[in-house]
């Protein structure tokens, strides 16, 4: 397997064709392709999430770390025939870590497993990443189409919501507006994983309060649906239709 930087458009085309989520991270620094005999088998994007500095400072609040000290996996996407092959995923992660060590001065590689999509992060577990806890996240789902609407994609809906509620601005869709539009608010978990890239990083990580947490499994997944303002009930994993993009349109 060979890993090398690839053209942004090539990476985006691959992700849009094979990844369950078509929304690309906005803060991307590297687009990496993973090749077997010149065949592009996987793509990983590296960069940062929506709050780059806060992410690293919240994890390591006792250390003066910045965005220069870590990279986050934005998208990890394989050809369909490799999706259920943990061995391939482990090989990719191994090659990825070596590439970062050789091409950056980062201390850590950080990533999130999308528990709201039923993913516990088994590929990271198989690659010996450290699990450092979870947090609750929210998305929206169009009841008619099943489209998963990311909060970042709900800007126009928020504008419409503000007018509906006679407010100047709203940052989250209100319960009344969601009922009017036929949209559910769904809560789930995101699982955080990190791997140190050198001895200094290992020492820092060993002092982290949630350093040796047991890996999450399927029975740790949580799904909730809002039924009224401030009230949620537990539900089974929602069936999102990831092929619909009425609200999730994104320019590249």
C-alpha atoms as a PDB file:
ATOM      1  CA  UNK A   1       0.000   0.000   0.000  1.00  0.00           C
ATOM      2  CA  UNK A   2       1.219   3.484  -0.923  1.00  0.00           C
ATOM      3  CA  UNK A   3      -0.023   6.729   0.633  1.00  0.00           C
ATOM      4  CA  UNK A   4       0.454  10.100  -0.991  1.00  0.00           C
ATOM      5  CA  UNK A   5      -1.205  13.489  -1.259  1.00  0.00           C
ATOM      6  CA  UNK A   6      -3.829  13.717  -3.982  1.00  0.00           C
ATOM      7  CA  UNK A   7      -5.752  16.465  -5.713  1.00  0.00           C
ATOM      8  CA  UNK A   8      -8.551  18.010  -3.644  1.00  0.00           C
ATOM      9  CA  UNK A   9     -11.149  17.397  -6.360  1.00  0.00           C
ATOM     10  CA  UNK A  10     -10.115  13.746  -6.687  1.00  0.00           C
ATOM     11  CA  UNK A  11     -10.576  13.277  -2.948  1.00  0.00           C
ATOM     12  CA  UNK A  12     -13.946  15.044  -2.895  1.00  0.00           C
ATOM     13  CA  UNK A  13     -15.216  12.994  -5.839  1.00  0.00           C
ATOM     14  CA  UNK A  14     -14.172   9.758  -4.098  1.00  0.00           C
ATOM     15  CA  UNK A  15     -15.809  10.763  -0.797  1.00  0.00           C
ATOM     16  CA  UNK A  16     -19.037  11.901  -2.458  1.00  0.00           C
ATOM     17  CA  UNK A  17     -19.246   8.582  -4.286  1.00  0.00           C
ATOM     18  CA  UNK A  18     -18.411   6.186  -1.459  1.00  0.00           C
ATOM     19  CA  UNK A  19     -18.850   7.875   1.952  1.00  0.00           C
ATOM     20  CA  UNK A  20     -22.202   7.762   3.759  1.00  0.00           C
ATOM     21  CA  UNK A  21     -21.932  11.507   4.512  1.00  0.00           C
ATOM     22  CA  UNK A  22     -21.331  13.817   1.566  1.00  0.00           C
ATOM     23  CA  UNK A  23     -20.590  16.921   3.678  1.00  0.00           C
ATOM     24  CA  UNK A  24     -16.881  17.735   3.577  1.00  0.00           C
ATOM     25  CA  UNK A  25     -14.991  19.317   6.479  1.00  0.00           C
ATOM     26  CA  UNK A  26     -14.266  22.983   5.871  1.00  0.00           C
ATOM     27  CA  UNK A  27     -10.867  23.101   7.562  1.00  0.00           C
ATOM     28  CA  UNK A  28      -8.859  20.542   5.597  1.00  0.00           C
ATOM     29  CA  UNK A  29      -5.074  20.686   5.239  1.00  0.00           C
ATOM     30  CA  UNK A  30      -4.212  17.342   3.624  1.00  0.00           C
ATOM     31  CA  UNK A  31      -6.007  15.094   1.138  1.00  0.00           C
ATOM     32  CA  UNK A  32      -4.401  11.648   1.205  1.00  0.00           C
ATOM     33  CA  UNK A  33      -4.932   8.762  -1.170  1.00  0.00           C
ATOM     34  CA  UNK A  34      -4.218   5.114  -0.353  1.00  0.00           C
ATOM     35  CA  UNK A  35      -3.227   3.037  -3.358  1.00  0.00           C
ATOM     36  CA  UNK A  36      -2.800  -0.663  -4.031  1.00  0.00           C
ATOM     37  CA  UNK A  37      -1.093  -1.349  -7.382  1.00  0.00           C
ATOM     38  CA  UNK A  38      -1.954   2.203  -8.506  1.00  0.00           C
ATOM     39  CA  UNK A  39      -5.639   1.676  -7.654  1.00  0.00           C
ATOM     40  CA  UNK A  40      -7.137   4.316  -5.355  1.00  0.00           C
ATOM     41  CA  UNK A  41      -8.685   2.260  -2.555  1.00  0.00           C
ATOM     42  CA  UNK A  42      -9.177   4.869   0.150  1.00  0.00           C
ATOM     43  CA  UNK A  43      -9.119   8.564   0.960  1.00  0.00           C
ATOM     44  CA  UNK A  44      -8.451  10.320   4.255  1.00  0.00           C
ATOM     45  CA  UNK A  45      -8.675  14.055   4.817  1.00  0.00           C
ATOM     46  CA  UNK A  46      -6.759  15.679   7.652  1.00  0.00           C
ATOM     47  CA  UNK A  47      -7.446  19.048   9.212  1.00  0.00           C
ATOM     48  CA  UNK A  48      -9.560  20.278  12.105  1.00  0.00           C
ATOM     49  CA  UNK A  49     -13.163  20.386  13.255  1.00  0.00           C
ATOM     50  CA  UNK A  50     -15.346  23.443  13.748  1.00  0.00           C
ATOM     51  CA  UNK A  51     -13.480  24.544  16.912  1.00  0.00           C
ATOM     52  CA  UNK A  52      -9.825  23.601  16.295  1.00  0.00           C
ATOM     53  CA  UNK A  53      -8.143  25.378  19.201  1.00  0.00           C
ATOM     54  CA  UNK A  54     -10.878  24.612  21.731  1.00  0.00           C
ATOM     55  CA  UNK A  55     -10.710  20.908  20.877  1.00  0.00           C
ATOM     56  CA  UNK A  56      -7.066  20.447  21.827  1.00  0.00           C
ATOM     57  CA  UNK A  57      -7.230  22.824  24.793  1.00  0.00           C
ATOM     58  CA  UNK A  58     -10.272  21.058  26.232  1.00  0.00           C
ATOM     59  CA  UNK A  59      -8.555  17.667  26.048  1.00  0.00           C
ATOM     60  CA  UNK A  60      -5.205  18.835  27.406  1.00  0.00           C
ATOM     61  CA  UNK A  61      -6.173  21.854  29.479  1.00  0.00           C
ATOM     62  CA  UNK A  62      -3.024  21.555  31.619  1.00  0.00           C
ATOM     63  CA  UNK A  63      -0.742  21.942  28.602  1.00  0.00           C
ATOM     64  CA  UNK A  64      -0.221  24.891  26.299  1.00  0.00           C
ATOM     65  CA  UNK A  65      -1.053  23.046  23.083  1.00  0.00           C
ATOM     66  CA  UNK A  66      -2.296  24.634  19.857  1.00  0.00           C
ATOM     67  CA  UNK A  67      -3.673  23.526  16.491  1.00  0.00           C
ATOM     68  CA  UNK A  68      -0.090  22.978  15.333  1.00  0.00           C
ATOM     69  CA  UNK A  69       0.151  20.073  17.767  1.00  0.00           C
ATOM     70  CA  UNK A  70      -2.519  17.845  16.262  1.00  0.00           C
ATOM     71  CA  UNK A  71      -4.442  16.862  13.172  1.00  0.00           C
ATOM     72  CA  UNK A  72      -7.950  15.476  13.044  1.00  0.00           C
ATOM     73  CA  UNK A  73      -9.311  12.914  10.612  1.00  0.00           C
ATOM     74  CA  UNK A  74     -12.103  14.658   8.744  1.00  0.00           C
ATOM     75  CA  UNK A  75     -13.120  11.875   6.367  1.00  0.00           C
ATOM     76  CA  UNK A  76     -12.016   8.263   6.168  1.00  0.00           C
ATOM     77  CA  UNK A  77     -13.462   6.586   3.111  1.00  0.00           C
ATOM     78  CA  UNK A  78     -12.740   3.215   1.479  1.00  0.00           C
ATOM     79  CA  UNK A  79     -13.987   1.394  -1.578  1.00  0.00           C
ATOM     80  CA  UNK A  80     -17.118  -0.621  -0.636  1.00  0.00           C
ATOM     81  CA  UNK A  81     -15.308  -3.974  -0.763  1.00  0.00           C
ATOM     82  CA  UNK A  82     -13.000  -2.810   2.050  1.00  0.00           C
ATOM     83  CA  UNK A  83     -15.594  -1.304   4.384  1.00  0.00           C
ATOM     84  CA  UNK A  84     -16.046  -4.399   6.539  1.00  0.00           C
ATOM     85  CA  UNK A  85     -12.402  -5.435   6.510  1.00  0.00           C
ATOM     86  CA  UNK A  86     -10.744  -4.458   9.793  1.00  0.00           C
ATOM     87  CA  UNK A  87      -7.385  -5.643   8.476  1.00  0.00           C
ATOM     88  CA  UNK A  88      -7.476  -3.098   5.635  1.00  0.00           C
ATOM     89  CA  UNK A  89      -8.534  -0.334   8.017  1.00  0.00           C
ATOM     90  CA  UNK A  90      -5.649  -1.159  10.351  1.00  0.00           C
ATOM     91  CA  UNK A  91      -3.186  -1.079   7.448  1.00  0.00           C
ATOM     92  CA  UNK A  92      -4.519   2.312   6.397  1.00  0.00           C
ATOM     93  CA  UNK A  93      -4.221   3.705   9.935  1.00  0.00           C
ATOM     94  CA  UNK A  94      -0.671   2.375  10.235  1.00  0.00           C
ATOM     95  CA  UNK A  95       0.335   4.001   6.935  1.00  0.00           C
ATOM     96  CA  UNK A  96      -1.454   7.200   7.932  1.00  0.00           C
ATOM     97  CA  UNK A  97       0.382   7.504  11.238  1.00  0.00           C
ATOM     98  CA  UNK A  98       3.752   6.918   9.536  1.00  0.00           C
ATOM     99  CA  UNK A  99       2.924   9.564   6.923  1.00  0.00           C
ATOM    100  CA  UNK A 100       2.029  12.143   9.594  1.00  0.00           C
ATOM    101  CA  UNK A 101       5.220  11.409  11.532  1.00  0.00           C
ATOM    102  CA  UNK A 102       7.309  11.849   8.385  1.00  0.00           C
ATOM    103  CA  UNK A 103       5.573  14.944   7.056  1.00  0.00           C
ATOM    104  CA  UNK A 104       4.471  16.973  10.090  1.00  0.00           C
ATOM    105  CA  UNK A 105       5.586  17.884  13.593  1.00  0.00           C
ATOM    106  CA  UNK A 106       2.242  16.991  15.180  1.00  0.00           C
ATOM    107  CA  UNK A 107       2.058  15.393  18.602  1.00  0.00           C
ATOM    108  CA  UNK A 108      -1.336  13.749  18.171  1.00  0.00           C
ATOM    109  CA  UNK A 109      -3.757  12.319  15.637  1.00  0.00           C
ATOM    110  CA  UNK A 110      -7.328  12.854  16.808  1.00  0.00           C
ATOM    111  CA  UNK A 111     -10.593  11.540  15.422  1.00  0.00           C
ATOM    112  CA  UNK A 112     -14.268  11.005  16.157  1.00  0.00           C
ATOM    113  CA  UNK A 113     -16.420   7.930  15.590  1.00  0.00           C
ATOM    114  CA  UNK A 114     -19.941   8.874  14.521  1.00  0.00           C
ATOM    115  CA  UNK A 115     -22.042   7.089  17.124  1.00  0.00           C
ATOM    116  CA  UNK A 116     -25.198   8.764  15.867  1.00  0.00           C
ATOM    117  CA  UNK A 117     -24.636   6.706  12.696  1.00  0.00           C
ATOM    118  CA  UNK A 118     -24.105   3.534  14.717  1.00  0.00           C
ATOM    119  CA  UNK A 119     -20.314   3.655  14.507  1.00  0.00           C
ATOM    120  CA  UNK A 120     -18.300   2.894  17.658  1.00  0.00           C
ATOM    121  CA  UNK A 121     -14.889   3.325  16.049  1.00  0.00           C
ATOM    122  CA  UNK A 122     -13.878  -0.316  15.621  1.00  0.00           C
ATOM    123  CA  UNK A 123     -11.237   0.572  13.020  1.00  0.00           C
ATOM    124  CA  UNK A 124      -9.539   2.831  15.586  1.00  0.00           C
ATOM    125  CA  UNK A 125      -9.827   0.194  18.277  1.00  0.00           C
ATOM    126  CA  UNK A 126      -8.177  -2.333  15.971  1.00  0.00           C
ATOM    127  CA  UNK A 127      -5.399   0.212  15.401  1.00  0.00           C
ATOM    128  CA  UNK A 128      -4.791   0.715  19.161  1.00  0.00           C
ATOM    129  CA  UNK A 129      -6.008   4.305  19.324  1.00  0.00           C
ATOM    130  CA  UNK A 130      -6.770   5.496  22.855  1.00  0.00           C
ATOM    131  CA  UNK A 131     -10.437   6.044  23.616  1.00  0.00           C
ATOM    132  CA  UNK A 132     -10.864   9.262  25.618  1.00  0.00           C
ATOM    133  CA  UNK A 133     -14.594   9.514  26.176  1.00  0.00           C
ATOM    134  CA  UNK A 134     -17.765  10.579  24.406  1.00  0.00           C
ATOM    135  CA  UNK A 135     -20.050  13.547  24.145  1.00  0.00           C
ATOM    136  CA  UNK A 136     -23.644  14.043  23.066  1.00  0.00           C
ATOM    137  CA  UNK A 137     -24.375  15.576  19.686  1.00  0.00           C
ATOM    138  CA  UNK A 138     -27.524  16.588  17.819  1.00  0.00           C
ATOM    139  CA  UNK A 139     -28.667  16.403  14.199  1.00  0.00           C
ATOM    140  CA  UNK A 140     -31.976  16.899  12.445  1.00  0.00           C
ATOM    141  CA  UNK A 141     -33.908  14.489  10.248  1.00  0.00           C
ATOM    142  CA  UNK A 142     -36.547  15.350   7.657  1.00  0.00           C
ATOM    143  CA  UNK A 143     -39.453  13.046   8.435  1.00  0.00           C
ATOM    144  CA  UNK A 144     -40.580  12.848   4.801  1.00  0.00           C
ATOM    145  CA  UNK A 145     -37.291  12.120   3.095  1.00  0.00           C
ATOM    146  CA  UNK A 146     -35.160  10.773   5.947  1.00  0.00           C
ATOM    147  CA  UNK A 147     -32.418  13.303   5.130  1.00  0.00           C
ATOM    148  CA  UNK A 148     -29.899  13.784   7.923  1.00  0.00           C
ATOM    149  CA  UNK A 149     -29.475  17.530   8.342  1.00  0.00           C
ATOM    150  CA  UNK A 150     -26.262  18.592  10.025  1.00  0.00           C
ATOM    151  CA  UNK A 151     -26.576  21.740  12.193  1.00  0.00           C
ATOM    152  CA  UNK A 152     -23.892  23.368  10.009  1.00  0.00           C
ATOM    153  CA  UNK A 153     -26.203  22.888   7.031  1.00  0.00           C
ATOM    154  CA  UNK A 154     -29.226  24.411   8.767  1.00  0.00           C
ATOM    155  CA  UNK A 155     -28.301  28.070   8.252  1.00  0.00           C
ATOM    156  CA  UNK A 156     -31.231  28.819   5.952  1.00  0.00           C
ATOM    157  CA  UNK A 157     -33.558  26.856   8.201  1.00  0.00           C
ATOM    158  CA  UNK A 158     -32.389  28.948  11.171  1.00  0.00           C
ATOM    159  CA  UNK A 159     -33.162  32.139   9.236  1.00  0.00           C
ATOM    160  CA  UNK A 160     -36.624  30.807   8.416  1.00  0.00           C
ATOM    161  CA  UNK A 161     -37.041  29.655  12.015  1.00  0.00           C
ATOM    162  CA  UNK A 162     -36.212  33.132  13.353  1.00  0.00           C
ATOM    163  CA  UNK A 163     -38.888  34.695  11.159  1.00  0.00           C
ATOM    164  CA  UNK A 164     -41.363  32.010  12.206  1.00  0.00           C
ATOM    165  CA  UNK A 165     -40.697  32.720  15.901  1.00  0.00           C
ATOM    166  CA  UNK A 166     -40.478  36.495  15.334  1.00  0.00           C
ATOM    167  CA  UNK A 167     -36.904  36.561  16.635  1.00  0.00           C
ATOM    168  CA  UNK A 168     -33.767  38.253  15.318  1.00  0.00           C
ATOM    169  CA  UNK A 169     -31.733  35.042  15.272  1.00  0.00           C
ATOM    170  CA  UNK A 170     -31.826  31.420  16.380  1.00  0.00           C
ATOM    171  CA  UNK A 171     -28.870  29.045  16.548  1.00  0.00           C
ATOM    172  CA  UNK A 172     -30.839  25.806  16.978  1.00  0.00           C
ATOM    173  CA  UNK A 173     -34.152  24.923  15.362  1.00  0.00           C
ATOM    174  CA  UNK A 174     -36.970  25.339  17.850  1.00  0.00           C
ATOM    175  CA  UNK A 175     -39.419  22.584  18.697  1.00  0.00           C
ATOM    176  CA  UNK A 176     -42.416  24.482  17.303  1.00  0.00           C
ATOM    177  CA  UNK A 177     -40.633  25.206  14.028  1.00  0.00           C
ATOM    178  CA  UNK A 178     -39.483  21.591  13.662  1.00  0.00           C
ATOM    179  CA  UNK A 179     -43.053  20.363  14.093  1.00  0.00           C
ATOM    180  CA  UNK A 180     -44.197  22.911  11.513  1.00  0.00           C
ATOM    181  CA  UNK A 181     -41.520  21.756   9.026  1.00  0.00           C
ATOM    182  CA  UNK A 182     -41.802  18.034   9.776  1.00  0.00           C
ATOM    183  CA  UNK A 183     -38.278  17.746  11.174  1.00  0.00           C
ATOM    184  CA  UNK A 184     -37.063  15.642  14.105  1.00  0.00           C
ATOM    185  CA  UNK A 185     -34.177  16.596  16.374  1.00  0.00           C
ATOM    186  CA  UNK A 186     -32.073  13.516  17.134  1.00  0.00           C
ATOM    187  CA  UNK A 187     -29.441  13.129  19.845  1.00  0.00           C
ATOM    188  CA  UNK A 188     -26.622  10.596  19.784  1.00  0.00           C
ATOM    189  CA  UNK A 189     -23.022  10.122  20.866  1.00  0.00           C
ATOM    190  CA  UNK A 190     -19.661  10.936  19.336  1.00  0.00           C
ATOM    191  CA  UNK A 191     -16.735   8.781  20.494  1.00  0.00           C
ATOM    192  CA  UNK A 192     -13.321  10.443  20.792  1.00  0.00           C
ATOM    193  CA  UNK A 193     -10.080   8.655  19.876  1.00  0.00           C
ATOM    194  CA  UNK A 194      -6.497   9.849  19.901  1.00  0.00           C
ATOM    195  CA  UNK A 195      -3.067   8.392  19.247  1.00  0.00           C
ATOM    196  CA  UNK A 196       0.274   9.900  20.341  1.00  0.00           C
ATOM    197  CA  UNK A 197       2.893  10.345  17.644  1.00  0.00           C
ATOM    198  CA  UNK A 198       6.074  10.554  19.739  1.00  0.00           C
ATOM    199  CA  UNK A 199       7.443  10.099  23.273  1.00  0.00           C
ATOM    200  CA  UNK A 200       6.515  13.612  24.359  1.00  0.00           C
ATOM    201  CA  UNK A 201       2.917  13.025  23.298  1.00  0.00           C
ATOM    202  CA  UNK A 202       2.802   9.691  25.144  1.00  0.00           C
ATOM    203  CA  UNK A 203       3.849  11.379  28.400  1.00  0.00           C
ATOM    204  CA  UNK A 204       1.218  14.083  27.956  1.00  0.00           C
ATOM    205  CA  UNK A 205      -1.479  11.519  27.228  1.00  0.00           C
ATOM    206  CA  UNK A 206      -0.601   9.396  30.254  1.00  0.00           C
ATOM    207  CA  UNK A 207      -1.592  12.326  32.472  1.00  0.00           C
ATOM    208  CA  UNK A 208      -4.995  12.636  30.827  1.00  0.00           C
ATOM    209  CA  UNK A 209      -7.796  11.806  33.272  1.00  0.00           C
ATOM    210  CA  UNK A 210      -9.624   9.494  30.868  1.00  0.00           C
ATOM    211  CA  UNK A 211      -6.569   7.752  29.468  1.00  0.00           C
ATOM    212  CA  UNK A 212      -7.492   4.078  29.987  1.00  0.00           C
ATOM    213  CA  UNK A 213     -11.219   3.973  29.313  1.00  0.00           C
ATOM    214  CA  UNK A 214     -12.622   0.691  27.928  1.00  0.00           C
ATOM    215  CA  UNK A 215     -13.560   0.778  24.260  1.00  0.00           C
ATOM    216  CA  UNK A 216     -17.251   1.462  23.513  1.00  0.00           C
ATOM    217  CA  UNK A 217     -19.350  -1.240  21.888  1.00  0.00           C
ATOM    218  CA  UNK A 218     -22.718  -1.369  20.145  1.00  0.00           C
ATOM    219  CA  UNK A 219     -24.615  -1.523  23.433  1.00  0.00           C
ATOM    220  CA  UNK A 220     -23.097   1.849  24.379  1.00  0.00           C
ATOM    221  CA  UNK A 221     -24.868   3.602  21.522  1.00  0.00           C
ATOM    222  CA  UNK A 222     -27.644   6.005  22.499  1.00  0.00           C
ATOM    223  CA  UNK A 223     -30.363   7.544  20.327  1.00  0.00           C
ATOM    224  CA  UNK A 224     -32.940  10.094  21.462  1.00  0.00           C
ATOM    225  CA  UNK A 225     -35.706  12.046  19.716  1.00  0.00           C
ATOM    226  CA  UNK A 226     -37.147  15.327  20.878  1.00  0.00           C
ATOM    227  CA  UNK A 227     -40.896  15.135  21.502  1.00  0.00           C
ATOM    228  CA  UNK A 228     -41.312  18.605  22.965  1.00  0.00           C
ATOM    229  CA  UNK A 229     -39.161  21.488  24.147  1.00  0.00           C
ATOM    230  CA  UNK A 230     -36.487  20.125  26.484  1.00  0.00           C
ATOM    231  CA  UNK A 231     -37.893  16.576  26.450  1.00  0.00           C
ATOM    232  CA  UNK A 232     -36.416  13.579  24.620  1.00  0.00           C
ATOM    233  CA  UNK A 233     -37.307   9.905  24.488  1.00  0.00           C
ATOM    234  CA  UNK A 234     -35.037   6.964  23.669  1.00  0.00           C
ATOM    235  CA  UNK A 235     -35.490   5.463  20.216  1.00  0.00           C
ATOM    236  CA  UNK A 236     -33.863   2.860  17.994  1.00  0.00           C
ATOM    237  CA  UNK A 237     -31.163   3.989  15.599  1.00  0.00           C
ATOM    238  CA  UNK A 238     -32.861   6.258  13.035  1.00  0.00           C
ATOM    239  CA  UNK A 239     -32.734   5.259   9.378  1.00  0.00           C
ATOM    240  CA  UNK A 240     -31.209   8.270   7.670  1.00  0.00           C
ATOM    241  CA  UNK A 241     -31.369   8.572   3.891  1.00  0.00           C
ATOM    242  CA  UNK A 242     -27.845   9.757   3.058  1.00  0.00           C
ATOM    243  CA  UNK A 243     -28.637  10.099  -0.659  1.00  0.00           C
ATOM    244  CA  UNK A 244     -30.910  13.107  -0.134  1.00  0.00           C
ATOM    245  CA  UNK A 245     -29.353  16.575  -0.100  1.00  0.00           C
ATOM    246  CA  UNK A 246     -32.219  19.064  -0.072  1.00  0.00           C
ATOM    247  CA  UNK A 247     -30.731  20.914   2.900  1.00  0.00           C
ATOM    248  CA  UNK A 248     -27.161  19.627   2.900  1.00  0.00           C
ATOM    249  CA  UNK A 249     -26.099  21.209  -0.368  1.00  0.00           C
ATOM    250  CA  UNK A 250     -22.456  22.225  -0.208  1.00  0.00           C
ATOM    251  CA  UNK A 251     -20.299  24.180  -2.636  1.00  0.00           C
ATOM    252  CA  UNK A 252     -16.703  23.051  -3.151  1.00  0.00           C
END
